[in-house]
Amino acid sequence: MSFFQMSTPLAARRLFLGRSGGLLLSGAAVALLAGKDALAAQSGDTKAGDVQILNTAIGAELEAIAAYQLGAESNLLSKPVLELALTFQAHHKEHVALLAGTVEKLGGKAVTAKARYDFPVAQLKAQLDVLKFAAQLEQGAVSAYLGAVPLFSNRDLSKAAASILGDEAMHWAILRQAIGEAPVPQAFVA
């Protein structure tokens, strides 16, 4: 079962953490870290662990890019919704570019996109279906960030991950509003 097909955020977080001990890490925050000496100061073992987390994040970001592409090519989205989907996809593409650079700075090799993802294509019959799918995807990302922030050996990467959590939460809130749900349903994210 795909990370983005999980029925609950807790299940998505468990799957994500089970795969890697990792998190989705966005590019904007990683860019702030790219020149920091802290990356160079890590030992080989801690670097390897952080590279594994970052590579899992890249894999999830690539899956998100593919999911937004599926929505964009579905011909189910109105022009404003299509523009929103492409904007979010562009964010994920920026994340991948910067994450891959961080993996390289840590001496690792970035993962690449899968040839095929197992998305619920048969269930996407209307714009609302695509929006709900995207909202579930972003909710899973938020949940994964919550569980993964403390897992990085490099605390600067943890700070960046926490910053990225905000980006994913904004995506989720906007999508919730688009499907007619309260954009921020509670005071805390679980």
N, C-alpha and C. Protein backbone atom coordinates (compact mmCIF):
# COMPACT_ATOMS: atom_id res chain seq x y z
N MET A 1 0.84 -1.17 0.00
CA MET A 1 0.00 0.00 0.00
C MET A 1 0.89 1.24 0.00
N SER A 2 0.54 2.24 -0.76
CA SER A 2 1.30 3.47 -0.88
C SER A 2 1.13 4.34 0.36
N PHE A 3 2.16 5.13 0.66
CA PHE A 3 2.12 6.10 1.75
C PHE A 3 0.91 7.02 1.59
N PHE A 4 0.62 7.41 0.36
CA PHE A 4 -0.45 8.37 0.12
C PHE A 4 -1.82 7.74 0.05
N GLN A 5 -1.90 6.41 0.17
CA GLN A 5 -3.19 5.74 0.15
C GLN A 5 -3.62 5.33 1.55
N MET A 6 -2.88 5.70 2.57
CA MET A 6 -3.23 5.33 3.93
C MET A 6 -4.53 6.03 4.31
N SER A 7 -5.35 5.36 5.09
CA SER A 7 -6.66 5.89 5.43
C SER A 7 -6.62 6.89 6.57
N THR A 8 -5.58 6.89 7.38
CA THR A 8 -5.49 7.83 8.48
C THR A 8 -4.09 8.42 8.53
N PRO A 9 -3.96 9.61 9.11
CA PRO A 9 -2.63 10.20 9.21
C PRO A 9 -1.71 9.36 10.11
N LEU A 10 -2.24 8.77 11.17
CA LEU A 10 -1.43 7.95 12.04
C LEU A 10 -0.88 6.74 11.28
N ALA A 11 -1.73 6.11 10.47
CA ALA A 11 -1.27 4.98 9.68
C ALA A 11 -0.22 5.42 8.67
N ALA A 12 -0.40 6.58 8.07
CA ALA A 12 0.59 7.09 7.12
C ALA A 12 1.91 7.36 7.82
N ARG A 13 1.86 7.96 9.00
CA ARG A 13 3.09 8.25 9.73
C ARG A 13 3.79 6.94 10.10
N ARG A 14 3.04 5.96 10.57
CA ARG A 14 3.65 4.67 10.94
C ARG A 14 4.33 4.04 9.73
N LEU A 15 3.67 4.06 8.57
CA LEU A 15 4.27 3.48 7.38
C LEU A 15 5.53 4.24 7.01
N PHE A 16 5.44 5.56 7.01
CA PHE A 16 6.58 6.38 6.62
C PHE A 16 7.75 6.16 7.56
N LEU A 17 7.49 6.20 8.86
CA LEU A 17 8.56 6.01 9.83
C LEU A 17 9.09 4.59 9.77
N GLY A 18 8.22 3.65 9.50
CA GLY A 18 8.65 2.27 9.38
C GLY A 18 9.55 2.06 8.18
N ARG A 19 9.31 2.80 7.12
CA ARG A 19 10.14 2.68 5.91
C ARG A 19 11.53 3.21 6.15
N SER A 20 11.63 4.31 6.92
CA SER A 20 12.91 4.99 6.93
C SER A 20 13.34 5.53 8.25
N GLY A 21 12.45 5.65 9.17
CA GLY A 21 12.77 6.48 10.32
C GLY A 21 12.81 7.91 9.87
N GLY A 22 12.06 8.27 8.83
CA GLY A 22 12.25 9.54 8.17
C GLY A 22 11.09 10.47 8.10
N LEU A 23 11.25 11.45 7.26
CA LEU A 23 10.34 12.55 7.15
C LEU A 23 10.42 13.20 5.78
N LEU A 24 9.37 13.84 5.41
CA LEU A 24 9.40 14.67 4.21
C LEU A 24 10.09 15.97 4.58
N LEU A 25 11.12 16.33 3.88
CA LEU A 25 11.86 17.54 4.21
C LEU A 25 11.83 18.47 3.01
N SER A 26 11.30 19.67 3.21
CA SER A 26 11.13 20.59 2.12
C SER A 26 12.39 21.37 1.80
N GLY A 27 12.45 21.82 0.59
CA GLY A 27 13.64 22.48 0.11
C GLY A 27 13.92 23.85 0.68
N ALA A 28 12.92 24.64 0.93
CA ALA A 28 13.17 26.01 1.39
C ALA A 28 13.99 26.02 2.66
N ALA A 29 13.65 25.18 3.59
CA ALA A 29 14.39 25.14 4.85
C ALA A 29 15.76 24.50 4.66
N VAL A 30 15.85 23.49 3.80
CA VAL A 30 17.15 22.86 3.56
C VAL A 30 18.10 23.85 2.92
N ALA A 31 17.57 24.74 2.10
CA ALA A 31 18.42 25.74 1.46
C ALA A 31 19.13 26.59 2.49
N LEU A 32 18.47 26.86 3.60
CA LEU A 32 19.08 27.63 4.66
C LEU A 32 20.26 26.87 5.29
N LEU A 33 20.20 25.55 5.20
CA LEU A 33 21.23 24.72 5.81
C LEU A 33 22.38 24.42 4.87
N ALA A 34 22.19 24.61 3.60
CA ALA A 34 23.14 24.11 2.62
C ALA A 34 24.57 24.56 2.87
N GLY A 35 24.75 25.75 3.39
CA GLY A 35 26.11 26.23 3.62
C GLY A 35 26.58 26.08 5.05
N LYS A 36 25.79 25.52 5.93
CA LYS A 36 26.16 25.44 7.35
C LYS A 36 27.26 24.42 7.59
N ASP A 37 28.16 24.76 8.50
CA ASP A 37 29.25 23.86 8.87
C ASP A 37 28.75 22.62 9.59
N ALA A 38 27.55 22.66 10.16
CA ALA A 38 27.04 21.53 10.92
C ALA A 38 26.94 20.28 10.07
N LEU A 39 26.66 20.42 8.79
CA LEU A 39 26.58 19.26 7.93
C LEU A 39 27.95 18.57 7.82
N ALA A 40 28.98 19.35 7.71
CA ALA A 40 30.32 18.78 7.58
C ALA A 40 30.81 18.18 8.89
N ALA A 41 30.30 18.65 10.01
CA ALA A 41 30.78 18.20 11.31
C ALA A 41 30.21 16.85 11.74
N GLN A 42 29.22 16.34 11.07
CA GLN A 42 28.62 15.07 11.46
C GLN A 42 29.56 13.90 11.23
N SER A 43 29.45 12.87 12.08
CA SER A 43 30.22 11.65 11.87
C SER A 43 29.59 10.87 10.72
N GLY A 44 30.31 9.87 10.22
CA GLY A 44 29.82 9.06 9.11
C GLY A 44 28.52 8.35 9.43
N ASP A 45 28.40 7.78 10.66
CA ASP A 45 27.18 7.05 11.03
C ASP A 45 25.97 7.97 11.09
N THR A 46 26.14 9.15 11.68
CA THR A 46 24.98 10.05 11.79
C THR A 46 24.64 10.64 10.42
N LYS A 47 25.65 10.87 9.61
CA LYS A 47 25.38 11.34 8.25
C LYS A 47 24.58 10.29 7.48
N ALA A 48 24.97 9.03 7.61
CA ALA A 48 24.27 7.96 6.90
C ALA A 48 22.81 7.88 7.33
N GLY A 49 22.55 8.03 8.61
CA GLY A 49 21.17 8.02 9.10
C GLY A 49 20.37 9.18 8.56
N ASP A 50 20.97 10.36 8.57
CA ASP A 50 20.28 11.53 8.04
C ASP A 50 20.06 11.41 6.53
N VAL A 51 21.03 10.84 5.82
CA VAL A 51 20.87 10.62 4.38
C VAL A 51 19.70 9.68 4.13
N GLN A 52 19.57 8.65 4.95
CA GLN A 52 18.45 7.72 4.78
C GLN A 52 17.12 8.44 4.97
N ILE A 53 17.04 9.28 6.00
CA ILE A 53 15.82 10.05 6.24
C ILE A 53 15.54 10.99 5.06
N LEU A 54 16.58 11.69 4.62
CA LEU A 54 16.41 12.62 3.50
C LEU A 54 16.01 11.89 2.22
N ASN A 55 16.59 10.73 1.97
CA ASN A 55 16.24 9.98 0.77
C ASN A 55 14.80 9.49 0.83
N THR A 56 14.34 9.12 2.00
CA THR A 56 12.93 8.75 2.11
C THR A 56 12.05 9.97 1.85
N ALA A 57 12.49 11.12 2.34
CA ALA A 57 11.76 12.35 2.06
C ALA A 57 11.72 12.63 0.56
N ILE A 58 12.84 12.45 -0.11
CA ILE A 58 12.89 12.66 -1.56
C ILE A 58 11.92 11.71 -2.24
N GLY A 59 11.93 10.45 -1.83
CA GLY A 59 11.01 9.48 -2.42
C GLY A 59 9.56 9.89 -2.25
N ALA A 60 9.22 10.37 -1.07
CA ALA A 60 7.85 10.82 -0.83
C ALA A 60 7.52 12.08 -1.63
N GLU A 61 8.48 12.97 -1.74
CA GLU A 61 8.28 14.18 -2.55
C GLU A 61 8.06 13.81 -4.01
N LEU A 62 8.84 12.86 -4.51
CA LEU A 62 8.66 12.41 -5.89
C LEU A 62 7.29 11.77 -6.10
N GLU A 63 6.82 11.05 -5.09
CA GLU A 63 5.48 10.46 -5.17
C GLU A 63 4.42 11.57 -5.19
N ALA A 64 4.64 12.61 -4.40
CA ALA A 64 3.71 13.75 -4.40
C ALA A 64 3.68 14.43 -5.76
N ILE A 65 4.84 14.60 -6.36
CA ILE A 65 4.92 15.21 -7.69
C ILE A 65 4.10 14.38 -8.68
N ALA A 66 4.27 13.07 -8.62
CA ALA A 66 3.52 12.18 -9.52
C ALA A 66 2.03 12.25 -9.24
N ALA A 67 1.65 12.35 -7.97
CA ALA A 67 0.22 12.43 -7.63
C ALA A 67 -0.40 13.72 -8.15
N TYR A 68 0.31 14.84 -8.00
CA TYR A 68 -0.22 16.10 -8.53
C TYR A 68 -0.25 16.07 -10.06
N GLN A 69 0.68 15.38 -10.68
CA GLN A 69 0.66 15.24 -12.15
C GLN A 69 -0.57 14.45 -12.57
N LEU A 70 -0.87 13.39 -11.84
CA LEU A 70 -2.06 12.60 -12.12
C LEU A 70 -3.31 13.49 -12.06
N GLY A 71 -3.40 14.28 -11.02
CA GLY A 71 -4.54 15.19 -10.89
C GLY A 71 -4.60 16.21 -12.03
N ALA A 72 -3.44 16.74 -12.38
CA ALA A 72 -3.38 17.75 -13.45
C ALA A 72 -3.80 17.17 -14.80
N GLU A 73 -3.43 15.91 -15.04
CA GLU A 73 -3.75 15.27 -16.32
C GLU A 73 -5.12 14.59 -16.34
N SER A 74 -5.83 14.65 -15.24
CA SER A 74 -7.11 13.95 -15.13
C SER A 74 -8.24 14.61 -15.93
N ASN A 75 -8.06 15.85 -16.30
CA ASN A 75 -9.11 16.65 -16.96
C ASN A 75 -10.34 16.80 -16.08
N LEU A 76 -10.16 16.63 -14.78
CA LEU A 76 -11.26 16.79 -13.83
C LEU A 76 -11.20 18.11 -13.09
N LEU A 77 -10.11 18.85 -13.23
CA LEU A 77 -9.91 20.06 -12.44
C LEU A 77 -10.27 21.33 -13.21
N SER A 78 -10.97 22.21 -12.53
CA SER A 78 -11.25 23.53 -13.11
C SER A 78 -9.93 24.30 -13.19
N LYS A 79 -9.91 25.36 -13.95
CA LYS A 79 -8.68 26.13 -14.15
C LYS A 79 -8.07 26.60 -12.82
N PRO A 80 -8.84 27.19 -11.90
CA PRO A 80 -8.20 27.63 -10.64
C PRO A 80 -7.67 26.47 -9.80
N VAL A 81 -8.36 25.36 -9.80
CA VAL A 81 -7.91 24.19 -9.03
C VAL A 81 -6.68 23.58 -9.69
N LEU A 82 -6.66 23.54 -11.01
CA LEU A 82 -5.49 23.05 -11.73
C LEU A 82 -4.27 23.91 -11.40
N GLU A 83 -4.45 25.23 -11.38
CA GLU A 83 -3.35 26.13 -11.03
C GLU A 83 -2.84 25.86 -9.62
N LEU A 84 -3.75 25.60 -8.68
CA LEU A 84 -3.37 25.28 -7.31
C LEU A 84 -2.57 23.97 -7.27
N ALA A 85 -3.05 22.96 -7.97
CA ALA A 85 -2.36 21.67 -8.01
C ALA A 85 -0.95 21.83 -8.58
N LEU A 86 -0.82 22.61 -9.63
CA LEU A 86 0.49 22.81 -10.24
C LEU A 86 1.41 23.63 -9.35
N THR A 87 0.85 24.56 -8.58
CA THR A 87 1.64 25.33 -7.61
C THR A 87 2.20 24.40 -6.53
N PHE A 88 1.34 23.55 -5.97
CA PHE A 88 1.80 22.61 -4.94
C PHE A 88 2.82 21.63 -5.53
N GLN A 89 2.59 21.19 -6.76
CA GLN A 89 3.55 20.30 -7.41
C GLN A 89 4.90 21.00 -7.55
N ALA A 90 4.89 22.27 -7.92
CA ALA A 90 6.13 23.02 -8.06
C ALA A 90 6.86 23.12 -6.71
N HIS A 91 6.12 23.28 -5.62
CA HIS A 91 6.75 23.29 -4.30
C HIS A 91 7.49 21.98 -4.07
N HIS A 92 6.82 20.87 -4.37
CA HIS A 92 7.44 19.56 -4.17
C HIS A 92 8.67 19.37 -5.07
N LYS A 93 8.63 19.90 -6.28
CA LYS A 93 9.79 19.82 -7.17
C LYS A 93 10.97 20.61 -6.59
N GLU A 94 10.69 21.79 -6.03
CA GLU A 94 11.74 22.57 -5.38
C GLU A 94 12.31 21.81 -4.19
N HIS A 95 11.44 21.15 -3.44
CA HIS A 95 11.90 20.35 -2.30
C HIS A 95 12.88 19.28 -2.77
N VAL A 96 12.53 18.57 -3.84
CA VAL A 96 13.40 17.49 -4.34
C VAL A 96 14.76 18.05 -4.74
N ALA A 97 14.78 19.14 -5.45
CA ALA A 97 16.05 19.71 -5.91
C ALA A 97 16.97 20.03 -4.73
N LEU A 98 16.41 20.66 -3.72
CA LEU A 98 17.24 21.04 -2.58
C LEU A 98 17.58 19.85 -1.69
N LEU A 99 16.65 18.92 -1.53
CA LEU A 99 16.93 17.72 -0.74
C LEU A 99 18.06 16.92 -1.37
N ALA A 100 18.00 16.77 -2.68
CA ALA A 100 19.04 16.01 -3.38
C ALA A 100 20.41 16.67 -3.18
N GLY A 101 20.44 17.99 -3.23
CA GLY A 101 21.69 18.71 -2.98
C GLY A 101 22.21 18.48 -1.57
N THR A 102 21.31 18.41 -0.61
CA THR A 102 21.71 18.16 0.78
C THR A 102 22.25 16.74 0.93
N VAL A 103 21.60 15.78 0.29
CA VAL A 103 22.08 14.39 0.33
C VAL A 103 23.50 14.33 -0.23
N GLU A 104 23.74 15.02 -1.33
CA GLU A 104 25.07 15.02 -1.93
C GLU A 104 26.09 15.67 -1.00
N LYS A 105 25.72 16.76 -0.35
CA LYS A 105 26.63 17.42 0.59
C LYS A 105 26.99 16.50 1.75
N LEU A 106 26.08 15.59 2.08
CA LEU A 106 26.33 14.63 3.16
C LEU A 106 27.06 13.38 2.65
N GLY A 107 27.39 13.36 1.34
CA GLY A 107 28.13 12.24 0.77
C GLY A 107 27.28 11.10 0.28
N GLY A 108 25.98 11.31 0.17
CA GLY A 108 25.09 10.25 -0.30
C GLY A 108 24.67 10.44 -1.73
N LYS A 109 23.84 9.52 -2.19
CA LYS A 109 23.28 9.59 -3.53
C LYS A 109 21.76 9.65 -3.39
N ALA A 110 21.15 10.65 -4.03
CA ALA A 110 19.70 10.84 -3.94
C ALA A 110 18.95 9.77 -4.71
N VAL A 111 17.82 9.35 -4.15
CA VAL A 111 16.96 8.38 -4.84
C VAL A 111 16.28 9.06 -6.02
N THR A 112 15.78 8.24 -6.94
CA THR A 112 15.07 8.76 -8.11
C THR A 112 13.62 8.29 -8.08
N ALA A 113 12.82 8.87 -8.93
CA ALA A 113 11.39 8.54 -9.00
C ALA A 113 11.20 7.10 -9.45
N LYS A 114 10.14 6.50 -8.96
CA LYS A 114 9.74 5.17 -9.41
C LYS A 114 9.17 5.29 -10.83
N ALA A 115 9.21 4.21 -11.55
CA ALA A 115 8.62 4.19 -12.89
C ALA A 115 7.10 4.28 -12.81
N ARG A 116 6.52 3.78 -11.73
CA ARG A 116 5.06 3.76 -11.58
C ARG A 116 4.70 3.81 -10.10
N TYR A 117 3.63 4.55 -9.80
CA TYR A 117 3.09 4.63 -8.44
C TYR A 117 1.70 4.01 -8.42
N ASP A 118 1.34 3.44 -7.30
CA ASP A 118 0.05 2.77 -7.15
C ASP A 118 -0.97 3.73 -6.56
N PHE A 119 -1.52 4.60 -7.40
CA PHE A 119 -2.52 5.58 -6.97
C PHE A 119 -3.93 5.03 -7.20
N PRO A 120 -4.91 5.53 -6.46
CA PRO A 120 -6.30 5.06 -6.60
C PRO A 120 -7.01 5.69 -7.80
N VAL A 121 -6.47 5.49 -8.98
CA VAL A 121 -6.96 6.13 -10.20
C VAL A 121 -8.45 5.86 -10.43
N ALA A 122 -8.90 4.64 -10.22
CA ALA A 122 -10.31 4.29 -10.46
C ALA A 122 -11.26 5.06 -9.55
N GLN A 123 -10.77 5.55 -8.43
CA GLN A 123 -11.62 6.28 -7.49
C GLN A 123 -11.67 7.78 -7.79
N LEU A 124 -10.89 8.25 -8.72
CA LEU A 124 -10.84 9.67 -9.05
C LEU A 124 -11.76 9.95 -10.23
N LYS A 125 -13.02 10.29 -9.92
CA LYS A 125 -14.02 10.47 -10.97
C LYS A 125 -14.52 11.90 -11.10
N ALA A 126 -14.17 12.74 -10.13
CA ALA A 126 -14.62 14.13 -10.13
C ALA A 126 -13.55 14.99 -9.46
N GLN A 127 -13.64 16.29 -9.66
CA GLN A 127 -12.69 17.21 -9.05
C GLN A 127 -12.61 17.00 -7.54
N LEU A 128 -13.74 16.82 -6.88
CA LEU A 128 -13.75 16.63 -5.44
C LEU A 128 -12.93 15.40 -5.04
N ASP A 129 -12.99 14.34 -5.82
CA ASP A 129 -12.20 13.14 -5.54
C ASP A 129 -10.71 13.45 -5.58
N VAL A 130 -10.29 14.21 -6.58
CA VAL A 130 -8.88 14.56 -6.73
C VAL A 130 -8.44 15.44 -5.56
N LEU A 131 -9.29 16.39 -5.18
CA LEU A 131 -8.96 17.27 -4.06
C LEU A 131 -8.86 16.49 -2.75
N LYS A 132 -9.76 15.55 -2.54
CA LYS A 132 -9.71 14.73 -1.32
C LYS A 132 -8.45 13.88 -1.30
N PHE A 133 -8.08 13.33 -2.44
CA PHE A 133 -6.86 12.54 -2.54
C PHE A 133 -5.64 13.40 -2.20
N ALA A 134 -5.59 14.61 -2.76
CA ALA A 134 -4.47 15.52 -2.49
C ALA A 134 -4.45 15.93 -1.02
N ALA A 135 -5.63 16.18 -0.44
CA ALA A 135 -5.70 16.56 0.97
C ALA A 135 -5.18 15.42 1.85
N GLN A 136 -5.54 14.20 1.52
CA GLN A 136 -5.06 13.04 2.27
C GLN A 136 -3.54 12.92 2.16
N LEU A 137 -3.01 13.16 0.97
CA LEU A 137 -1.58 13.15 0.74
C LEU A 137 -0.88 14.17 1.63
N GLU A 138 -1.38 15.38 1.65
CA GLU A 138 -0.76 16.43 2.46
C GLU A 138 -0.94 16.17 3.96
N GLN A 139 -2.08 15.64 4.35
CA GLN A 139 -2.30 15.30 5.76
C GLN A 139 -1.28 14.24 6.20
N GLY A 140 -1.03 13.28 5.36
CA GLY A 140 -0.02 12.27 5.68
C GLY A 140 1.37 12.87 5.82
N ALA A 141 1.68 13.86 4.99
CA ALA A 141 2.98 14.53 5.07
C ALA A 141 3.11 15.27 6.40
N VAL A 142 2.05 15.97 6.79
CA VAL A 142 2.05 16.68 8.07
C VAL A 142 2.29 15.70 9.21
N SER A 143 1.57 14.62 9.19
CA SER A 143 1.71 13.61 10.24
C SER A 143 3.11 13.02 10.27
N ALA A 144 3.69 12.76 9.11
CA ALA A 144 5.04 12.21 9.04
C ALA A 144 6.05 13.19 9.62
N TYR A 145 5.89 14.48 9.31
CA TYR A 145 6.80 15.48 9.88
C TYR A 145 6.74 15.47 11.40
N LEU A 146 5.55 15.40 11.94
CA LEU A 146 5.40 15.42 13.39
C LEU A 146 6.18 14.28 14.04
N GLY A 147 6.15 13.12 13.44
CA GLY A 147 6.85 11.99 14.02
C GLY A 147 8.34 11.97 13.74
N ALA A 148 8.77 12.64 12.70
CA ALA A 148 10.14 12.51 12.26
C ALA A 148 11.08 13.63 12.70
N VAL A 149 10.56 14.77 13.05
CA VAL A 149 11.42 15.90 13.42
C VAL A 149 12.50 15.49 14.43
N PRO A 150 12.17 14.72 15.45
CA PRO A 150 13.22 14.39 16.44
C PRO A 150 14.19 13.30 16.00
N LEU A 151 14.01 12.72 14.83
CA LEU A 151 14.83 11.59 14.41
C LEU A 151 16.16 11.96 13.76
N PHE A 152 16.31 13.19 13.31
CA PHE A 152 17.56 13.60 12.68
C PHE A 152 18.67 13.69 13.72
N SER A 153 19.86 13.24 13.36
CA SER A 153 21.03 13.42 14.22
C SER A 153 21.47 14.87 14.20
N ASN A 154 21.37 15.48 13.04
CA ASN A 154 21.74 16.88 12.88
C ASN A 154 20.54 17.74 13.27
N ARG A 155 20.66 18.47 14.34
CA ARG A 155 19.54 19.27 14.86
C ARG A 155 19.15 20.38 13.89
N ASP A 156 20.06 20.85 13.07
CA ASP A 156 19.69 21.85 12.06
C ASP A 156 18.70 21.27 11.06
N LEU A 157 18.87 19.99 10.73
CA LEU A 157 17.92 19.35 9.83
C LEU A 157 16.56 19.19 10.50
N SER A 158 16.56 18.94 11.81
CA SER A 158 15.30 18.88 12.56
C SER A 158 14.57 20.21 12.51
N LYS A 159 15.32 21.29 12.68
CA LYS A 159 14.70 22.63 12.60
C LYS A 159 14.11 22.86 11.21
N ALA A 160 14.86 22.46 10.19
CA ALA A 160 14.37 22.63 8.82
C ALA A 160 13.11 21.81 8.60
N ALA A 161 13.11 20.59 9.13
CA ALA A 161 11.94 19.72 8.97
C ALA A 161 10.72 20.34 9.65
N ALA A 162 10.92 20.93 10.81
CA ALA A 162 9.81 21.59 11.50
C ALA A 162 9.29 22.77 10.67
N SER A 163 10.19 23.46 10.02
CA SER A 163 9.78 24.56 9.15
C SER A 163 8.95 24.06 7.97
N ILE A 164 9.37 22.93 7.43
CA ILE A 164 8.68 22.35 6.29
C ILE A 164 7.30 21.83 6.68
N LEU A 165 7.19 21.39 7.91
CA LEU A 165 5.89 20.97 8.43
C LEU A 165 4.86 22.08 8.20
N GLY A 166 5.28 23.31 8.41
CA GLY A 166 4.38 24.44 8.17
C GLY A 166 3.93 24.54 6.73
N ASP A 167 4.83 24.29 5.80
CA ASP A 167 4.48 24.33 4.37
C ASP A 167 3.45 23.26 4.04
N GLU A 168 3.69 22.05 4.52
CA GLU A 168 2.75 20.96 4.25
C GLU A 168 1.40 21.22 4.92
N ALA A 169 1.43 21.80 6.11
CA ALA A 169 0.18 22.12 6.81
C ALA A 169 -0.62 23.17 6.04
N MET A 170 0.08 24.13 5.44
CA MET A 170 -0.64 25.12 4.62
C MET A 170 -1.29 24.47 3.41
N HIS A 171 -0.57 23.57 2.76
CA HIS A 171 -1.17 22.83 1.63
C HIS A 171 -2.44 22.12 2.09
N TRP A 172 -2.33 21.42 3.20
CA TRP A 172 -3.46 20.65 3.72
C TRP A 172 -4.64 21.56 4.05
N ALA A 173 -4.37 22.69 4.71
CA ALA A 173 -5.45 23.62 5.07
C ALA A 173 -6.15 24.16 3.83
N ILE A 174 -5.39 24.53 2.83
CA ILE A 174 -5.99 25.06 1.60
C ILE A 174 -6.84 24.00 0.92
N LEU A 175 -6.35 22.78 0.88
CA LEU A 175 -7.12 21.70 0.25
C LEU A 175 -8.38 21.39 1.06
N ARG A 176 -8.28 21.42 2.38
CA ARG A 176 -9.48 21.21 3.21
C ARG A 176 -10.53 22.27 2.88
N GLN A 177 -10.11 23.50 2.77
CA GLN A 177 -11.05 24.58 2.44
C GLN A 177 -11.67 24.33 1.06
N ALA A 178 -10.86 23.88 0.11
CA ALA A 178 -11.35 23.64 -1.24
C ALA A 178 -12.40 22.53 -1.30
N ILE A 179 -12.32 21.57 -0.38
CA ILE A 179 -13.30 20.48 -0.39
C ILE A 179 -14.47 20.76 0.54
N GLY A 180 -14.49 21.98 1.10
CA GLY A 180 -15.62 22.38 1.91
C GLY A 180 -15.51 22.03 3.38
N GLU A 181 -14.32 21.70 3.84
CA GLU A 181 -14.10 21.40 5.26
C GLU A 181 -13.43 22.58 5.92
N ALA A 182 -13.51 22.63 7.24
CA ALA A 182 -12.82 23.68 7.99
C ALA A 182 -11.33 23.57 7.72
N PRO A 183 -10.68 24.65 7.29
CA PRO A 183 -9.27 24.56 6.94
C PRO A 183 -8.38 24.19 8.13
N VAL A 184 -8.74 24.66 9.30
CA VAL A 184 -7.98 24.34 10.52
C VAL A 184 -8.98 23.82 11.54
N PRO A 185 -9.22 22.51 11.57
CA PRO A 185 -10.29 21.95 12.36
C PRO A 185 -10.04 21.92 13.87
N GLN A 186 -8.80 22.02 14.30
CA GLN A 186 -8.50 21.99 15.73
C GLN A 186 -7.24 22.78 16.03
N ALA A 187 -6.99 23.00 17.31
CA ALA A 187 -5.86 23.82 17.72
C ALA A 187 -4.51 23.09 17.60
N PHE A 188 -4.54 21.76 17.56
CA PHE A 188 -3.31 20.98 17.48
C PHE A 188 -3.42 19.96 16.35
N VAL A 189 -2.30 19.67 15.72
CA VAL A 189 -2.25 18.65 14.67
C VAL A 189 -1.84 17.35 15.33
N ALA A 190 -2.61 16.30 15.06
CA ALA A 190 -2.28 15.00 15.67
C ALA A 190 -1.63 14.08 14.66
